[in-house]
Amino acid sequence: MKKKQHTTAFYIETLLMILVFIGIILVLSRVFGSGQRMSIQAKTLTNAVTLAGNAAEAVSASENPAEVAEYLGDNAFVTGTGVVAFYDTDMKPYSGENAPVQVDISWEPEGGKGGYVNSTISVYAFEEEHPVYVLETAVYTGEVGE
């Protein structure tokens, strides 16, 4: 009878140890999955900041939306309110439909020709409703002596 109690206790302890081990595996899986998701979000934000910075450089070097599109390349198009450019997830120009990353650049002049222009650069990723990153910038397109 005593040997049967030891065997039962062994099985119960083994079962509890297996349950604890499974619980630890589930917690670690959740932690690593969360870390991977945060890593993807960080990469997306870093790429968005880089693309917005590049677009801001194009805006500062331009005197009109057509020049902005020319600086950005074949993946950029002039729209009614500014310029839109398309990129893939590796920040390379994307020319097909349903681009993973879209950069919208507004061109809002204040006053007449050769004046101050406000520009808002919004980077959208994966057809999301809200932009991943927004950068507001401005440029003076007139002569310095004006």
C-alpha atoms as a PDB file:
ATOM      1  CA  MET A   1       0.000   0.000   0.000  1.00  0.00           C
ATOM      2  CA  LYS A   2       2.803   2.411   0.805  1.00  0.00           C
ATOM      3  CA  LYS A   3       4.392   1.912  -2.632  1.00  0.00           C
ATOM      4  CA  LYS A   4       1.122   2.884  -4.331  1.00  0.00           C
ATOM      5  CA  GLN A   5       1.035   6.211  -2.403  1.00  0.00           C
ATOM      6  CA  HIS A   6       4.557   7.053  -3.553  1.00  0.00           C
ATOM      7  CA  THR A   7       3.623   6.288  -7.167  1.00  0.00           C
ATOM      8  CA  THR A   8       0.487   8.464  -6.966  1.00  0.00           C
ATOM      9  CA  ALA A   9       2.437  11.337  -5.405  1.00  0.00           C
ATOM     10  CA  PHE A  10       5.064  11.027  -8.137  1.00  0.00           C
ATOM     11  CA  TYR A  11       2.396  11.258 -10.859  1.00  0.00           C
ATOM     12  CA  ILE A  12       0.741  14.269  -9.226  1.00  0.00           C
ATOM     13  CA  GLU A  13       4.089  16.064  -8.840  1.00  0.00           C
ATOM     14  CA  THR A  14       4.984  15.260 -12.445  1.00  0.00           C
ATOM     15  CA  LEU A  15       1.613  16.550 -13.652  1.00  0.00           C
ATOM     16  CA  LEU A  16       2.029  19.798 -11.673  1.00  0.00           C
ATOM     17  CA  MET A  17       5.556  20.242 -13.008  1.00  0.00           C
ATOM     18  CA  ILE A  18       4.304  19.782 -16.589  1.00  0.00           C
ATOM     19  CA  LEU A  19       1.518  22.351 -16.019  1.00  0.00           C
ATOM     20  CA  VAL A  20       4.000  24.874 -14.598  1.00  0.00           C
ATOM     21  CA  PHE A  21       6.335  24.258 -17.545  1.00  0.00           C
ATOM     22  CA  ILE A  22       3.474  24.806 -20.038  1.00  0.00           C
ATOM     23  CA  GLY A  23       2.513  28.015 -18.203  1.00  0.00           C
ATOM     24  CA  ILE A  24       6.089  29.303 -18.413  1.00  0.00           C
ATOM     25  CA  ILE A  25       6.208  28.491 -22.140  1.00  0.00           C
ATOM     26  CA  LEU A  26       2.929  30.367 -22.730  1.00  0.00           C
ATOM     27  CA  VAL A  27       4.164  33.448 -20.853  1.00  0.00           C
ATOM     28  CA  LEU A  28       7.477  33.465 -22.733  1.00  0.00           C
ATOM     29  CA  SER A  29       5.684  33.054 -26.073  1.00  0.00           C
ATOM     30  CA  ARG A  30       3.535  36.058 -25.274  1.00  0.00           C
ATOM     31  CA  VAL A  31       6.572  38.133 -24.250  1.00  0.00           C
ATOM     32  CA  PHE A  32       8.515  37.278 -27.415  1.00  0.00           C
ATOM     33  CA  GLY A  33       5.451  37.884 -29.606  1.00  0.00           C
ATOM     34  CA  SER A  34       4.944  41.297 -28.019  1.00  0.00           C
ATOM     35  CA  GLY A  35       8.619  42.111 -28.540  1.00  0.00           C
ATOM     36  CA  GLN A  36       8.406  41.201 -32.211  1.00  0.00           C
ATOM     37  CA  ARG A  37       5.285  43.325 -32.675  1.00  0.00           C
ATOM     38  CA  MET A  38       6.999  46.302 -31.016  1.00  0.00           C
ATOM     39  CA  SER A  39      10.041  45.789 -33.232  1.00  0.00           C
ATOM     40  CA  ILE A  40       7.882  45.944 -36.365  1.00  0.00           C
ATOM     41  CA  GLN A  41       6.180  49.117 -35.094  1.00  0.00           C
ATOM     42  CA  ALA A  42       9.568  50.698 -34.352  1.00  0.00           C
ATOM     43  CA  LYS A  43      10.837  49.863 -37.845  1.00  0.00           C
ATOM     44  CA  THR A  44       7.700  51.340 -39.402  1.00  0.00           C
ATOM     45  CA  LEU A  45       8.054  54.550 -37.373  1.00  0.00           C
ATOM     46  CA  THR A  46      11.767  54.861 -38.173  1.00  0.00           C
ATOM     47  CA  ASN A  47      11.079  54.447 -41.892  1.00  0.00           C
ATOM     48  CA  ALA A  48       8.236  56.983 -41.690  1.00  0.00           C
ATOM     49  CA  VAL A  49      10.494  59.557 -40.020  1.00  0.00           C
ATOM     50  CA  THR A  50      13.179  58.993 -42.671  1.00  0.00           C
ATOM     51  CA  LEU A  51      10.691  59.351 -45.553  1.00  0.00           C
ATOM     52  CA  ALA A  52       9.193  62.492 -44.003  1.00  0.00           C
ATOM     53  CA  GLY A  53      12.686  63.967 -43.610  1.00  0.00           C
ATOM     54  CA  ASN A  54      13.483  63.229 -47.244  1.00  0.00           C
ATOM     55  CA  ALA A  55      10.202  64.823 -48.316  1.00  0.00           C
ATOM     56  CA  ALA A  56      10.966  67.894 -46.175  1.00  0.00           C
ATOM     57  CA  GLU A  57      14.311  68.232 -47.940  1.00  0.00           C
ATOM     58  CA  ALA A  58      12.541  68.059 -51.290  1.00  0.00           C
ATOM     59  CA  VAL A  59      10.061  70.727 -50.149  1.00  0.00           C
ATOM     60  CA  SER A  60      12.838  73.037 -48.962  1.00  0.00           C
ATOM     61  CA  ALA A  61      14.653  72.732 -52.306  1.00  0.00           C
ATOM     62  CA  SER A  62      11.535  73.388 -54.403  1.00  0.00           C
ATOM     63  CA  GLU A  63       9.561  76.382 -55.560  1.00  0.00           C
ATOM     64  CA  ASN A  64       6.391  74.473 -56.539  1.00  0.00           C
ATOM     65  CA  PRO A  65       4.772  71.036 -56.150  1.00  0.00           C
ATOM     66  CA  ALA A  66       6.028  69.879 -59.554  1.00  0.00           C
ATOM     67  CA  GLU A  67       9.628  70.326 -58.396  1.00  0.00           C
ATOM     68  CA  VAL A  68       8.874  68.386 -55.195  1.00  0.00           C
ATOM     69  CA  ALA A  69       7.552  65.482 -57.295  1.00  0.00           C
ATOM     70  CA  GLU A  70      10.595  65.726 -59.560  1.00  0.00           C
ATOM     71  CA  TYR A  71      12.981  65.512 -56.585  1.00  0.00           C
ATOM     72  CA  LEU A  72      11.134  62.521 -55.130  1.00  0.00           C
ATOM     73  CA  GLY A  73      11.222  60.543 -58.387  1.00  0.00           C
ATOM     74  CA  ASP A  74       8.902  58.542 -60.614  1.00  0.00           C
ATOM     75  CA  ASN A  75       6.858  57.302 -57.668  1.00  0.00           C
ATOM     76  CA  ALA A  76       5.622  60.851 -56.831  1.00  0.00           C
ATOM     77  CA  PHE A  77       2.662  62.590 -58.419  1.00  0.00           C
ATOM     78  CA  VAL A  78       1.281  66.112 -58.192  1.00  0.00           C
ATOM     79  CA  THR A  79      -2.258  66.254 -56.786  1.00  0.00           C
ATOM     80  CA  GLY A  80      -4.656  69.149 -56.369  1.00  0.00           C
ATOM     81  CA  THR A  81      -3.315  70.025 -52.918  1.00  0.00           C
ATOM     82  CA  GLY A  82       0.320  68.973 -53.181  1.00  0.00           C
ATOM     83  CA  VAL A  83       2.231  65.783 -53.907  1.00  0.00           C
ATOM     84  CA  VAL A  84       1.760  62.112 -53.108  1.00  0.00           C
ATOM     85  CA  ALA A  85       4.565  59.533 -53.240  1.00  0.00           C
ATOM     86  CA  PHE A  86       4.495  55.750 -52.846  1.00  0.00           C
ATOM     87  CA  TYR A  87       7.102  53.455 -51.266  1.00  0.00           C
ATOM     88  CA  ASP A  88       7.490  49.814 -50.299  1.00  0.00           C
ATOM     89  CA  THR A  89       8.283  48.652 -46.754  1.00  0.00           C
ATOM     90  CA  ASP A  90      12.030  49.026 -47.407  1.00  0.00           C
ATOM     91  CA  MET A  91      11.599  52.725 -48.373  1.00  0.00           C
ATOM     92  CA  LYS A  92      12.244  52.035 -52.047  1.00  0.00           C
ATOM     93  CA  PRO A  93      10.084  53.782 -54.666  1.00  0.00           C
ATOM     94  CA  TYR A  94       6.926  51.807 -55.432  1.00  0.00           C
ATOM     95  CA  SER A  95       5.168  52.263 -58.740  1.00  0.00           C
ATOM     96  CA  GLY A  96       2.343  49.706 -58.535  1.00  0.00           C
ATOM     97  CA  GLU A  97      -1.106  49.941 -57.007  1.00  0.00           C
ATOM     98  CA  ASN A  98      -1.771  49.476 -53.280  1.00  0.00           C
ATOM     99  CA  ALA A  99       1.577  50.759 -52.068  1.00  0.00           C
ATOM    100  CA  PRO A 100       2.468  49.737 -48.505  1.00  0.00           C
ATOM    101  CA  VAL A 101       3.634  53.270 -47.618  1.00  0.00           C
ATOM    102  CA  GLN A 102       2.180  56.552 -48.859  1.00  0.00           C
ATOM    103  CA  VAL A 103       3.646  60.018 -48.265  1.00  0.00           C
ATOM    104  CA  ASP A 104       1.240  62.951 -48.638  1.00  0.00           C
ATOM    105  CA  ILE A 105       2.813  66.393 -48.954  1.00  0.00           C
ATOM    106  CA  SER A 106       0.558  69.434 -48.812  1.00  0.00           C
ATOM    107  CA  TRP A 107       1.560  72.692 -50.513  1.00  0.00           C
ATOM    108  CA  GLU A 108      -0.214  75.701 -48.966  1.00  0.00           C
ATOM    109  CA  PRO A 109       1.147  79.073 -50.124  1.00  0.00           C
ATOM    110  CA  GLU A 110       0.547  82.166 -48.017  1.00  0.00           C
ATOM    111  CA  GLY A 111       0.046  85.235 -50.140  1.00  0.00           C
ATOM    112  CA  GLY A 112       1.099  85.689 -53.755  1.00  0.00           C
ATOM    113  CA  LYS A 113       3.811  84.266 -55.943  1.00  0.00           C
ATOM    114  CA  GLY A 114       7.253  83.836 -54.436  1.00  0.00           C
ATOM    115  CA  GLY A 115       6.153  83.754 -50.826  1.00  0.00           C
ATOM    116  CA  TYR A 116       5.969  81.643 -47.749  1.00  0.00           C
ATOM    117  CA  VAL A 117       4.662  78.090 -48.213  1.00  0.00           C
ATOM    118  CA  ASN A 118       3.427  75.826 -45.412  1.00  0.00           C
ATOM    119  CA  SER A 119       3.720  72.112 -45.943  1.00  0.00           C
ATOM    120  CA  THR A 120       2.418  69.184 -43.922  1.00  0.00           C
ATOM    121  CA  ILE A 121       4.017  65.812 -44.628  1.00  0.00           C
ATOM    122  CA  SER A 122       1.973  62.791 -43.537  1.00  0.00           C
ATOM    123  CA  VAL A 123       3.241  59.217 -43.821  1.00  0.00           C
ATOM    124  CA  TYR A 124       0.638  56.443 -43.959  1.00  0.00           C
ATOM    125  CA  ALA A 125       1.543  52.764 -43.685  1.00  0.00           C
ATOM    126  CA  PHE A 126      -0.463  49.725 -44.763  1.00  0.00           C
ATOM    127  CA  GLU A 127      -3.639  51.653 -45.660  1.00  0.00           C
ATOM    128  CA  GLU A 128      -4.139  52.852 -42.076  1.00  0.00           C
ATOM    129  CA  GLU A 129      -6.627  55.619 -41.445  1.00  0.00           C
ATOM    130  CA  HIS A 130      -4.277  57.691 -39.269  1.00  0.00           C
ATOM    131  CA  PRO A 131      -0.755  58.673 -40.298  1.00  0.00           C
ATOM    132  CA  VAL A 132       2.217  56.953 -38.698  1.00  0.00           C
ATOM    133  CA  TYR A 133       4.128  60.237 -38.632  1.00  0.00           C
ATOM    134  CA  VAL A 134       3.312  63.875 -39.417  1.00  0.00           C
ATOM    135  CA  LEU A 135       5.878  66.610 -40.031  1.00  0.00           C
ATOM    136  CA  GLU A 136       5.006  70.263 -40.464  1.00  0.00           C
ATOM    137  CA  THR A 137       7.491  72.407 -42.331  1.00  0.00           C
ATOM    138  CA  ALA A 138       7.633  75.608 -44.330  1.00  0.00           C
ATOM    139  CA  VAL A 139       9.760  77.172 -47.037  1.00  0.00           C
ATOM    140  CA  TYR A 140      10.214  80.643 -48.423  1.00  0.00           C
ATOM    141  CA  THR A 141      10.169  80.383 -52.202  1.00  0.00           C
ATOM    142  CA  GLY A 142      10.925  84.015 -53.004  1.00  0.00           C
ATOM    143  CA  GLU A 143      14.195  85.867 -53.239  1.00  0.00           C
ATOM    144  CA  VAL A 144      15.943  86.798 -50.013  1.00  0.00           C
ATOM    145  CA  GLY A 145      16.020  90.498 -50.911  1.00  0.00           C
ATOM    146  CA  GLU A 146      12.252  90.735 -51.536  1.00  0.00           C
END
